[in-house]
Protein backbone atom coordinates (compact mmCIF):
# COMPACT_ATOMS: atom_id res chain seq x y z
CA MET A 1 0.00 0.00 0.00
CA ALA A 2 1.27 3.43 -0.87
CA THR A 3 1.64 5.82 2.02
CA ASN A 4 3.02 9.07 0.65
CA HIS A 5 -0.14 10.13 -1.26
CA GLN A 6 1.87 10.87 -4.37
CA THR A 7 0.37 9.21 -7.41
CA ASP A 8 1.37 8.90 -11.02
CA GLY A 9 -1.75 10.83 -11.96
CA GLY A 10 -3.88 7.72 -12.14
CA ILE A 11 -7.00 6.48 -10.43
CA VAL A 12 -6.91 6.64 -6.63
CA VAL A 13 -9.29 4.63 -4.45
CA TYR A 14 -9.76 5.62 -0.81
CA GLY A 15 -11.54 3.02 1.27
CA THR A 16 -11.52 0.60 4.15
CA GLY A 17 -10.73 -3.08 4.31
CA TRP A 18 -14.17 -3.93 5.66
CA CYS A 19 -16.32 -2.11 3.07
CA PRO A 20 -17.85 -4.40 0.41
CA ASP A 21 -18.36 -1.45 -1.97
CA VAL A 22 -14.64 -0.68 -1.87
CA ALA A 23 -13.84 -4.36 -2.53
CA ALA A 24 -16.23 -4.37 -5.51
CA ILE A 25 -14.59 -1.30 -7.07
CA ARG A 26 -11.08 -2.65 -6.57
CA SER A 27 -12.09 -5.99 -8.06
CA ALA A 28 -13.71 -4.32 -11.08
CA LEU A 29 -10.62 -2.19 -11.73
CA GLU A 30 -8.35 -5.23 -11.44
CA ARG A 31 -10.53 -7.32 -13.79
CA ALA A 32 -10.46 -4.46 -16.31
CA GLY A 33 -6.69 -4.17 -16.03
CA VAL A 34 -6.84 -0.60 -14.74
CA ALA A 35 -3.92 0.47 -12.58
CA TYR A 36 -4.87 2.34 -9.43
CA THR A 37 -3.50 3.38 -6.06
CA TYR A 38 -5.35 2.29 -2.92
CA TYR A 39 -5.34 3.96 0.48
CA ASP A 40 -7.03 2.44 3.54
CA ILE A 41 -8.33 5.34 5.62
CA ASP A 42 -8.58 3.17 8.73
CA THR A 43 -4.82 2.57 8.78
CA ASP A 44 -3.46 5.57 6.91
CA LYS A 45 -4.01 8.85 8.75
CA LYS A 46 -2.81 10.96 5.82
CA ALA A 47 -5.38 9.29 3.57
CA GLN A 48 -8.05 9.87 6.20
CA LYS A 49 -7.16 13.59 6.21
CA VAL A 50 -7.42 13.74 2.40
CA VAL A 51 -10.90 12.18 2.52
CA ARG A 52 -12.10 14.43 5.36
CA ARG A 53 -10.74 17.56 3.64
CA THR A 54 -12.29 16.60 0.30
CA GLN A 55 -15.65 15.78 1.91
CA ARG A 56 -15.60 18.75 4.29
CA GLY A 57 -15.40 16.56 7.37
CA GLY A 58 -17.05 13.46 5.90
CA ARG A 59 -15.57 10.02 5.79
CA THR A 60 -17.70 8.24 3.20
CA VAL A 61 -16.08 5.44 1.20
CA PRO A 62 -15.39 4.47 -1.42
CA MET A 63 -14.02 7.72 -2.69
CA VAL A 64 -12.36 7.60 -6.09
CA THR A 65 -10.35 10.35 -7.73
CA THR A 66 -9.37 10.51 -11.39
CA PRO A 67 -6.47 12.09 -13.28
CA ALA A 68 -8.91 14.69 -14.65
CA GLY A 69 -9.71 15.82 -11.11
CA ALA A 70 -13.10 14.16 -10.74
CA VAL A 71 -14.05 13.01 -7.25
CA MET A 72 -16.61 10.23 -6.96
CA ILE A 73 -18.09 9.43 -3.56
CA GLU A 74 -19.80 6.06 -3.21
CA PRO A 75 -19.73 5.32 -6.93
CA THR A 76 -20.70 1.93 -8.30
CA PRO A 77 -18.06 -0.16 -10.05
CA ALA A 78 -19.87 0.53 -13.34
CA GLU A 79 -19.67 4.30 -12.77
CA VAL A 80 -15.93 4.11 -12.06
CA LEU A 81 -15.28 1.98 -15.15
CA ALA A 82 -17.40 4.28 -17.32
CA THR A 83 -15.41 7.28 -16.10
CA VAL A 84 -12.13 5.51 -16.82
CA GLU A 85 -13.30 4.48 -20.30
CA SER A 86 -14.51 8.01 -21.04
CA ALA A 87 -11.16 9.46 -19.98
CA ASP A 88 -9.33 6.90 -22.12
CA ARG A 89 -11.43 7.84 -25.17
CA THR A 90 -10.78 11.55 -24.59
CA THR A 91 -7.03 10.96 -24.20
CA SER A 92 -6.98 8.81 -27.32
CA GLN A 93 -8.84 11.48 -29.36
CA GLU A 94 -6.49 14.22 -28.14
CA ALA A 95 -3.49 12.19 -29.27
CA HIS A 96 -4.75 12.13 -32.87
């Protein structure tokens, strides 16, 4: 698990080990072959601060951030994958 909260600009998943929604999103990303960084807010105080600051004191998980700056709170796996696919299409179109 990463602990310095520096990412390569990719997908970041903030969650807890006990949350089934977090597990479902991580599983969906892995099945789709999407690289991501995961932070467990129960064990990583810096990650917990990021979540609380982003949510203005909240602590709702899963929270997913994207390279484009989108923040998704309690998204479904399908919503996360759709966002990733949309970003990939946009990046691909910009490259041409």
